[in-house]
């Protein structure tokens, strides 16, 4: 679950980082991650609801409309993933290698 993973990263940053400035910068990136995730899930929910509405409105949905709806969902997903990877890179620049490993190891263990 994406939200749980981001929450675990946030917790790891709060626990592992003692430098206040570094912690503040890292938490600012986490905030951006949460915002992007919220936007993505809202968009996906709206797109999916629209698709379901179209599917239930007519017995036969033209292939082009069906494909277009799924293409949009895939485009949204790819855009979200690119943003999250960029934010991960931004986060990595703000955290030392040792702290990075501690934070991500702890976050991964919490999800399992």
C-alpha atoms as a PDB file:
ATOM      1  CA  UNK A   1       0.000   0.000   0.000  1.00  0.00           C
ATOM      2  CA  UNK A   2       1.536   3.278  -1.150  1.00  0.00           C
ATOM      3  CA  UNK A   3       0.144   5.389   1.691  1.00  0.00           C
ATOM      4  CA  UNK A   4       1.448   2.962   4.299  1.00  0.00           C
ATOM      5  CA  UNK A   5       4.890   2.956   2.693  1.00  0.00           C
ATOM      6  CA  UNK A   6       5.050   6.760   2.679  1.00  0.00           C
ATOM      7  CA  UNK A   7       3.845   6.854   6.293  1.00  0.00           C
ATOM      8  CA  UNK A   8       6.579   4.365   7.214  1.00  0.00           C
ATOM      9  CA  UNK A   9       9.190   6.528   5.469  1.00  0.00           C
ATOM     10  CA  UNK A  10       7.922   9.540   7.372  1.00  0.00           C
ATOM     11  CA  UNK A  11       8.161   7.644  10.647  1.00  0.00           C
ATOM     12  CA  UNK A  12      11.672   6.476   9.773  1.00  0.00           C
ATOM     13  CA  UNK A  13      12.765  10.020   8.991  1.00  0.00           C
ATOM     14  CA  UNK A  14      11.335  11.286  12.273  1.00  0.00           C
ATOM     15  CA  UNK A  15      13.070   8.463  14.149  1.00  0.00           C
ATOM     16  CA  UNK A  16      16.429   8.232  12.362  1.00  0.00           C
ATOM     17  CA  UNK A  17      17.299  11.838  11.515  1.00  0.00           C
ATOM     18  CA  UNK A  18      18.617  13.929  14.371  1.00  0.00           C
ATOM     19  CA  UNK A  19      19.643  16.964  12.295  1.00  0.00           C
ATOM     20  CA  UNK A  20      16.623  19.286  12.404  1.00  0.00           C
ATOM     21  CA  UNK A  21      17.300  20.971   9.059  1.00  0.00           C
ATOM     22  CA  UNK A  22      17.817  17.651   7.280  1.00  0.00           C
ATOM     23  CA  UNK A  23      14.706  16.227   8.916  1.00  0.00           C
ATOM     24  CA  UNK A  24      12.663  19.262   7.896  1.00  0.00           C
ATOM     25  CA  UNK A  25      13.825  19.059   4.266  1.00  0.00           C
ATOM     26  CA  UNK A  26      13.150  15.316   4.099  1.00  0.00           C
ATOM     27  CA  UNK A  27       9.689  15.703   5.615  1.00  0.00           C
ATOM     28  CA  UNK A  28       8.912  18.424   3.056  1.00  0.00           C
ATOM     29  CA  UNK A  29       9.588  15.856   0.305  1.00  0.00           C
ATOM     30  CA  UNK A  30       7.387  13.322   2.108  1.00  0.00           C
ATOM     31  CA  UNK A  31       4.624  15.935   2.161  1.00  0.00           C
ATOM     32  CA  UNK A  32       4.958  16.323  -1.633  1.00  0.00           C
ATOM     33  CA  UNK A  33       4.772  12.525  -2.008  1.00  0.00           C
ATOM     34  CA  UNK A  34       1.566  12.441   0.006  1.00  0.00           C
ATOM     35  CA  UNK A  35       0.076  15.278  -2.047  1.00  0.00           C
ATOM     36  CA  UNK A  36       0.926  13.577  -5.352  1.00  0.00           C
ATOM     37  CA  UNK A  37      -0.506  10.293  -4.087  1.00  0.00           C
ATOM     38  CA  UNK A  38      -3.735  11.986  -3.009  1.00  0.00           C
ATOM     39  CA  UNK A  39      -4.082  13.673  -6.413  1.00  0.00           C
ATOM     40  CA  UNK A  40      -3.371  10.420  -8.246  1.00  0.00           C
ATOM     41  CA  UNK A  41      -5.851   8.340  -6.274  1.00  0.00           C
ATOM     42  CA  UNK A  42      -8.550  11.002  -6.647  1.00  0.00           C
ATOM     43  CA  UNK A  43      -7.960  11.147 -10.401  1.00  0.00           C
ATOM     44  CA  UNK A  44      -7.978   7.360 -10.704  1.00  0.00           C
ATOM     45  CA  UNK A  45     -11.179   7.113  -8.695  1.00  0.00           C
ATOM     46  CA  UNK A  46     -12.878   9.681 -10.932  1.00  0.00           C
ATOM     47  CA  UNK A  47     -11.631   8.051 -14.146  1.00  0.00           C
ATOM     48  CA  UNK A  48     -12.702   4.608 -12.957  1.00  0.00           C
ATOM     49  CA  UNK A  49     -16.138   5.866 -11.916  1.00  0.00           C
ATOM     50  CA  UNK A  50     -16.581   7.473 -15.322  1.00  0.00           C
ATOM     51  CA  UNK A  51     -15.591   4.234 -17.044  1.00  0.00           C
ATOM     52  CA  UNK A  52     -18.014   2.185 -14.952  1.00  0.00           C
ATOM     53  CA  UNK A  53     -20.781   4.686 -15.687  1.00  0.00           C
ATOM     54  CA  UNK A  54     -20.179   4.342 -19.418  1.00  0.00           C
ATOM     55  CA  UNK A  55     -20.048   0.573 -19.216  1.00  0.00           C
ATOM     56  CA  UNK A  56     -23.337   0.352 -17.347  1.00  0.00           C
ATOM     57  CA  UNK A  57     -25.072   2.942 -19.532  1.00  0.00           C
ATOM     58  CA  UNK A  58     -24.804   0.910 -22.699  1.00  0.00           C
ATOM     59  CA  UNK A  59     -24.661  -2.794 -23.321  1.00  0.00           C
ATOM     60  CA  UNK A  60     -22.047  -2.347 -26.028  1.00  0.00           C
ATOM     61  CA  UNK A  61     -19.224   0.119 -25.617  1.00  0.00           C
ATOM     62  CA  UNK A  62     -17.220   0.870 -28.733  1.00  0.00           C
ATOM     63  CA  UNK A  63     -13.700  -0.510 -28.541  1.00  0.00           C
ATOM     64  CA  UNK A  64     -12.218   2.935 -29.110  1.00  0.00           C
ATOM     65  CA  UNK A  65     -14.000   4.403 -26.068  1.00  0.00           C
ATOM     66  CA  UNK A  66     -13.032   1.461 -23.917  1.00  0.00           C
ATOM     67  CA  UNK A  67      -9.407   1.629 -25.041  1.00  0.00           C
ATOM     68  CA  UNK A  68      -9.328   5.388 -24.560  1.00  0.00           C
ATOM     69  CA  UNK A  69     -10.515   5.106 -20.970  1.00  0.00           C
ATOM     70  CA  UNK A  70      -7.861   2.509 -20.139  1.00  0.00           C
ATOM     71  CA  UNK A  71      -5.193   4.494 -21.966  1.00  0.00           C
ATOM     72  CA  UNK A  72      -5.976   7.480 -19.741  1.00  0.00           C
ATOM     73  CA  UNK A  73      -5.710   5.351 -16.608  1.00  0.00           C
ATOM     74  CA  UNK A  74      -2.337   4.018 -17.802  1.00  0.00           C
ATOM     75  CA  UNK A  75      -1.127   7.515 -18.662  1.00  0.00           C
ATOM     76  CA  UNK A  76      -2.128   8.780 -15.221  1.00  0.00           C
ATOM     77  CA  UNK A  77      -0.342   5.852 -13.557  1.00  0.00           C
ATOM     78  CA  UNK A  78       2.844   6.399 -15.562  1.00  0.00           C
ATOM     79  CA  UNK A  79       2.828  10.129 -14.793  1.00  0.00           C
ATOM     80  CA  UNK A  80       2.362   9.434 -11.090  1.00  0.00           C
ATOM     81  CA  UNK A  81       5.208   6.915 -11.079  1.00  0.00           C
ATOM     82  CA  UNK A  82       7.562   9.387 -12.773  1.00  0.00           C
ATOM     83  CA  UNK A  83       6.709  12.064 -10.197  1.00  0.00           C
ATOM     84  CA  UNK A  84       7.236   9.665  -7.310  1.00  0.00           C
ATOM     85  CA  UNK A  85      10.602   8.518  -8.692  1.00  0.00           C
ATOM     86  CA  UNK A  86      11.671  12.155  -9.042  1.00  0.00           C
ATOM     87  CA  UNK A  87      10.604  12.839  -5.450  1.00  0.00           C
ATOM     88  CA  UNK A  88      12.491   9.750  -4.271  1.00  0.00           C
ATOM     89  CA  UNK A  89      15.597  11.162  -5.978  1.00  0.00           C
ATOM     90  CA  UNK A  90      14.989  14.505  -4.298  1.00  0.00           C
ATOM     91  CA  UNK A  91      14.648  12.753  -0.943  1.00  0.00           C
ATOM     92  CA  UNK A  92      17.854  10.786  -1.504  1.00  0.00           C
ATOM     93  CA  UNK A  93      19.809  14.028  -1.980  1.00  0.00           C
ATOM     94  CA  UNK A  94      18.712  15.196   1.465  1.00  0.00           C
ATOM     95  CA  UNK A  95      19.646  12.085   3.469  1.00  0.00           C
ATOM     96  CA  UNK A  96      23.044  10.524   4.154  1.00  0.00           C
ATOM     97  CA  UNK A  97      23.716   7.032   2.808  1.00  0.00           C
ATOM     98  CA  UNK A  98      23.686   5.457   6.298  1.00  0.00           C
ATOM     99  CA  UNK A  99      20.418   7.116   7.280  1.00  0.00           C
ATOM    100  CA  UNK A 100      18.931   6.267   3.873  1.00  0.00           C
ATOM    101  CA  UNK A 101      19.557   2.572   4.465  1.00  0.00           C
ATOM    102  CA  UNK A 102      18.153   2.701   7.999  1.00  0.00           C
ATOM    103  CA  UNK A 103      15.004   4.544   6.909  1.00  0.00           C
ATOM    104  CA  UNK A 104      14.260   2.357   3.896  1.00  0.00           C
ATOM    105  CA  UNK A 105      15.089  -0.874   5.699  1.00  0.00           C
ATOM    106  CA  UNK A 106      12.691   0.036   8.503  1.00  0.00           C
ATOM    107  CA  UNK A 107       9.985   1.128   6.026  1.00  0.00           C
ATOM    108  CA  UNK A 108      10.264  -2.122   4.077  1.00  0.00           C
ATOM    109  CA  UNK A 109      10.024  -4.260   7.218  1.00  0.00           C
ATOM    110  CA  UNK A 110       6.887  -2.454   8.356  1.00  0.00           C
ATOM    111  CA  UNK A 111       5.079  -3.245   5.113  1.00  0.00           C
ATOM    112  CA  UNK A 112       5.751  -6.980   5.056  1.00  0.00           C
END
